[in-house]
Amino acid sequence: MRVVIAGGHGQIALRLEGLLAARGDEAVALIRNPAQADDVRAAGGSPVVVDLEQVGAAELAVHLRGADAVVFAAGAGPGSGPARKDTVDRGAAVLLAEAAQVAGVDRYLLVSSVGVGRAASPGTGDGFGVYLEAKAAAEQDLIGRPLKWTIVRPGALTNDPGTGRVHLSTQAAYGSVTRDDVAAVLLELLDHPRTAGLTAELIGGSTPVRDAVGALLL
């Protein structure tokens, strides 16, 4: 399997690249900064330098041709302003979908966020609200495309060691989940194309990852 990952130097992306490489699959990491290439290689991925805020869909499609799937795991980051949340969390996700269609790649996994589509919680800062709006717009664009998409909305992300056990459902309570476990769920979703068309929220839980993904198909 050849998987192209946007945001290839992100913490979830690096973990996913390692999982793919460990079983002999090819992980292609789209990165903006050439200085990140060594980290990608160390994780097991193949770096491709491309700026998702500057490139066009036709140019990006060149790097997607022959892929079995694309994964959007990019993000502007918590220190970014509203403009970059729009150009990355929304705009780059839309661009990847456009490029995937040009390249003939129909499988698309979008890493979104718990909270999309819900009323803002008390105390939610404007920055996080803008982030959720950008993610919601990216989801809506993807849903309208003729792609085999799956949307994953993780809860608060932690760097604790993965447990291999999660709660994955159409609507989950607010909670946290390890980045290790998010990567493991993405890997399992890549192996289950019948999850296309589903949106699932993800937090830590007690169900093994494989069983949690399998339950989405019931």
Protein backbone atom coordinates (compact mmCIF):
# COMPACT_ATOMS: atom_id res chain seq x y z
CA MET A 1 0.00 0.00 0.00
CA ARG A 2 1.24 3.48 -0.90
CA VAL A 3 -0.13 6.22 1.36
CA VAL A 4 0.53 9.94 0.92
CA ILE A 5 0.27 11.94 4.15
CA ALA A 6 -0.22 15.71 4.18
CA GLY A 7 1.39 17.27 7.21
CA GLY A 8 3.98 14.52 7.10
CA HIS A 9 6.11 15.90 9.93
CA GLY A 10 3.22 16.13 12.36
CA GLN A 11 3.24 13.98 15.46
CA ILE A 12 0.39 11.74 14.32
CA ALA A 13 1.80 11.54 10.80
CA LEU A 14 5.25 10.44 11.96
CA ARG A 15 3.67 7.68 14.03
CA LEU A 16 1.54 6.54 11.09
CA GLU A 17 4.58 6.52 8.82
CA GLY A 18 6.34 4.25 11.29
CA LEU A 19 3.41 1.85 11.43
CA LEU A 20 3.14 1.69 7.64
CA ALA A 21 6.87 1.18 7.18
CA ALA A 22 6.99 -1.53 9.85
CA ARG A 23 4.70 -3.73 7.78
CA GLY A 24 6.32 -2.97 4.44
CA ASP A 25 3.99 -0.29 3.12
CA GLU A 26 5.18 2.97 1.56
CA ALA A 27 4.48 6.20 3.42
CA VAL A 28 5.06 9.40 1.46
CA ALA A 29 5.23 12.47 3.70
CA LEU A 30 4.37 15.89 2.29
CA ILE A 31 6.40 18.46 4.23
CA ARG A 32 6.93 22.19 3.84
CA ASN A 33 10.35 22.50 5.47
CA PRO A 34 13.29 20.55 3.96
CA ALA A 35 14.88 20.45 7.42
CA GLN A 36 12.16 18.00 8.48
CA ALA A 37 13.19 15.37 5.92
CA ASP A 38 15.57 13.49 8.23
CA ASP A 39 12.87 13.09 10.88
CA VAL A 40 10.53 11.65 8.27
CA ARG A 41 13.17 9.20 7.04
CA ALA A 42 13.94 8.16 10.62
CA ALA A 43 10.25 7.38 11.12
CA GLY A 44 10.19 5.26 7.96
CA GLY A 45 8.62 7.69 5.51
CA SER A 46 9.76 9.18 2.20
CA PRO A 47 9.75 12.99 2.34
CA VAL A 48 8.44 15.19 -0.46
CA VAL A 49 8.90 18.94 -0.03
CA VAL A 50 5.79 20.84 -1.11
CA ASP A 51 4.05 23.86 0.43
CA LEU A 52 0.33 23.18 0.62
CA GLU A 53 -0.35 26.90 1.00
CA GLN A 54 1.39 27.72 -2.28
CA VAL A 55 1.00 24.76 -4.65
CA GLY A 56 -1.90 24.17 -7.04
CA ALA A 57 -3.98 21.00 -7.30
CA ALA A 58 -2.47 19.88 -10.62
CA GLU A 59 1.09 20.21 -9.30
CA LEU A 60 0.22 18.44 -6.06
CA ALA A 61 -1.49 15.64 -7.98
CA VAL A 62 1.87 14.65 -9.46
CA HIS A 63 2.97 13.52 -6.00
CA LEU A 64 -0.25 11.55 -5.43
CA ARG A 65 -0.32 9.47 -8.59
CA GLY A 66 -0.16 5.76 -7.89
CA ALA A 67 -1.19 6.15 -4.25
CA ASP A 68 -3.79 3.87 -2.70
CA ALA A 69 -4.89 6.54 -0.23
CA VAL A 70 -4.21 10.02 1.06
CA VAL A 71 -4.35 11.13 4.70
CA PHE A 72 -4.78 14.74 5.77
CA ALA A 73 -2.97 15.17 9.08
CA ALA A 74 -1.75 18.74 8.63
CA GLY A 75 -2.56 21.64 10.92
CA ALA A 76 -1.60 25.27 11.34
CA GLY A 77 -0.92 24.65 15.03
CA PRO A 78 -2.15 26.30 18.24
CA GLY A 79 0.04 29.37 17.82
CA SER A 80 -1.36 30.27 14.41
CA GLY A 81 -3.85 33.03 13.67
CA PRO A 82 -7.23 32.80 11.94
CA ALA A 83 -5.74 33.31 8.47
CA ARG A 84 -3.47 30.26 8.65
CA LYS A 85 -6.16 28.15 10.27
CA ASP A 86 -8.17 28.85 7.15
CA THR A 87 -5.36 28.28 4.65
CA VAL A 88 -4.12 25.07 6.33
CA ASP A 89 -6.90 23.40 8.33
CA ARG A 90 -9.47 24.17 5.66
CA GLY A 91 -7.67 25.22 2.49
CA ALA A 92 -4.97 22.56 2.44
CA ALA A 93 -7.52 19.83 3.18
CA VAL A 94 -9.63 21.01 0.24
CA LEU A 95 -6.55 21.21 -1.96
CA LEU A 96 -5.58 17.63 -1.11
CA ALA A 97 -9.08 16.46 -2.07
CA GLU A 98 -8.91 18.33 -5.38
CA ALA A 99 -5.47 16.88 -6.12
CA ALA A 100 -6.62 13.38 -5.18
CA GLN A 101 -9.42 13.62 -7.73
CA VAL A 102 -7.01 14.84 -10.41
CA ALA A 103 -4.62 11.99 -9.59
CA GLY A 104 -7.36 9.34 -9.54
CA VAL A 105 -6.91 8.53 -5.83
CA ASP A 106 -10.32 7.98 -4.30
CA ARG A 107 -9.51 6.97 -0.69
CA TYR A 108 -9.16 9.97 1.66
CA LEU A 109 -8.82 9.99 5.45
CA LEU A 110 -9.32 13.36 7.15
CA VAL A 111 -8.08 13.97 10.69
CA SER A 112 -10.56 16.48 12.07
CA SER A 113 -11.48 17.23 15.70
CA VAL A 114 -14.05 16.38 18.34
CA GLY A 115 -16.20 19.45 18.74
CA VAL A 116 -16.89 20.01 15.06
CA GLY A 117 -20.60 20.57 14.59
CA ARG A 118 -21.28 21.14 18.28
CA ALA A 119 -22.07 24.33 20.14
CA ALA A 120 -18.95 25.90 21.64
CA SER A 121 -18.29 24.86 25.21
CA PRO A 122 -18.10 27.58 27.88
CA GLY A 123 -14.61 29.00 28.01
CA THR A 124 -13.70 27.94 24.47
CA GLY A 125 -11.28 30.55 23.15
CA ASP A 126 -11.81 32.34 19.87
CA GLY A 127 -8.73 30.61 18.42
CA PHE A 128 -10.16 27.16 19.02
CA GLY A 129 -13.53 28.26 17.68
CA VAL A 130 -11.89 29.41 14.44
CA TYR A 131 -10.05 26.09 14.27
CA LEU A 132 -13.30 24.14 14.60
CA GLU A 133 -14.93 26.30 11.92
CA ALA A 134 -12.04 25.56 9.56
CA LYS A 135 -12.28 21.83 10.28
CA ALA A 136 -16.05 21.91 9.77
CA ALA A 137 -15.61 23.60 6.39
CA ALA A 138 -13.02 21.00 5.37
CA GLU A 139 -15.41 18.21 6.35
CA GLN A 140 -18.30 19.71 4.41
CA ASP A 141 -16.19 20.11 1.29
CA LEU A 142 -14.99 16.51 1.50
CA ILE A 143 -18.45 15.08 2.09
CA GLY A 144 -19.61 16.66 -1.17
CA ARG A 145 -16.91 15.01 -3.27
CA PRO A 146 -17.06 11.64 -5.07
CA LEU A 147 -14.28 10.22 -2.91
CA LYS A 148 -14.20 7.26 -0.51
CA TRP A 149 -13.67 9.49 2.50
CA THR A 150 -13.56 8.70 6.19
CA ILE A 151 -13.46 11.48 8.80
CA VAL A 152 -11.86 10.90 12.20
CA ARG A 153 -12.47 13.41 15.00
CA PRO A 154 -9.95 12.79 17.81
CA GLY A 155 -10.38 14.27 21.25
CA ALA A 156 -7.63 16.14 23.10
CA LEU A 157 -4.32 14.69 21.97
CA THR A 158 -1.68 13.43 24.38
CA ASN A 159 1.83 12.03 24.05
CA ASP A 160 1.22 9.25 26.57
CA PRO A 161 2.10 5.75 25.35
CA GLY A 162 -0.68 4.20 23.30
CA THR A 163 -2.91 1.63 24.94
CA GLY A 164 -4.24 0.01 21.76
CA ARG A 165 -7.74 0.53 23.18
CA VAL A 166 -10.12 3.31 22.18
CA HIS A 167 -13.71 4.46 22.03
CA LEU A 168 -14.77 5.10 18.44
CA SER A 169 -18.36 6.07 17.63
CA THR A 170 -20.50 8.51 15.70
CA GLN A 171 -20.58 10.75 18.77
CA ALA A 172 -18.27 10.46 21.75
CA ALA A 173 -18.05 12.36 25.00
CA TYR A 174 -15.28 14.91 25.28
CA GLY A 175 -12.08 13.21 26.33
CA SER A 176 -8.46 12.62 25.41
CA VAL A 177 -6.68 10.10 23.23
CA THR A 178 -3.02 9.34 22.66
CA ARG A 179 -1.41 10.19 19.35
CA ASP A 180 -0.17 6.60 19.22
CA ASP A 181 -3.74 5.35 19.29
CA VAL A 182 -4.92 7.86 16.68
CA ALA A 183 -2.22 6.61 14.31
CA ALA A 184 -3.23 3.01 15.01
CA VAL A 185 -6.87 3.81 14.20
CA LEU A 186 -5.86 5.51 10.94
CA LEU A 187 -3.86 2.45 9.95
CA GLU A 188 -6.82 0.19 10.66
CA LEU A 189 -9.16 2.46 8.69
CA LEU A 190 -6.82 2.29 5.70
CA ASP A 191 -7.25 -1.48 5.82
CA HIS A 192 -11.06 -1.18 5.91
CA PRO A 193 -12.24 0.75 2.84
CA ARG A 194 -15.83 -0.13 3.78
CA THR A 195 -15.58 2.60 6.42
CA ALA A 196 -15.86 5.10 3.55
CA GLY A 197 -18.65 7.59 4.11
CA LEU A 198 -18.39 7.42 7.89
CA THR A 199 -17.53 10.12 10.43
CA ALA A 200 -16.29 8.80 13.77
CA GLU A 201 -15.23 10.50 16.99
CA LEU A 202 -12.26 9.03 18.83
CA ILE A 203 -11.20 9.11 22.47
CA GLY A 204 -9.40 6.70 24.76
CA GLY A 205 -11.45 3.68 25.76
CA SER A 206 -11.49 -0.03 26.46
CA THR A 207 -12.09 -1.54 23.01
CA PRO A 208 -9.12 -2.86 21.00
CA VAL A 209 -8.50 -0.71 17.93
CA ARG A 210 -9.31 -3.46 15.44
CA ASP A 211 -12.59 -4.25 17.17
CA ALA A 212 -13.50 -0.57 17.46
CA VAL A 213 -13.07 -0.05 13.72
CA GLY A 214 -14.89 -3.27 12.95
CA ALA A 215 -17.86 -2.13 15.04
CA LEU A 216 -18.31 0.88 12.73
CA LEU A 217 -19.24 -1.59 9.99
CA LEU A 218 -22.02 -3.28 11.93
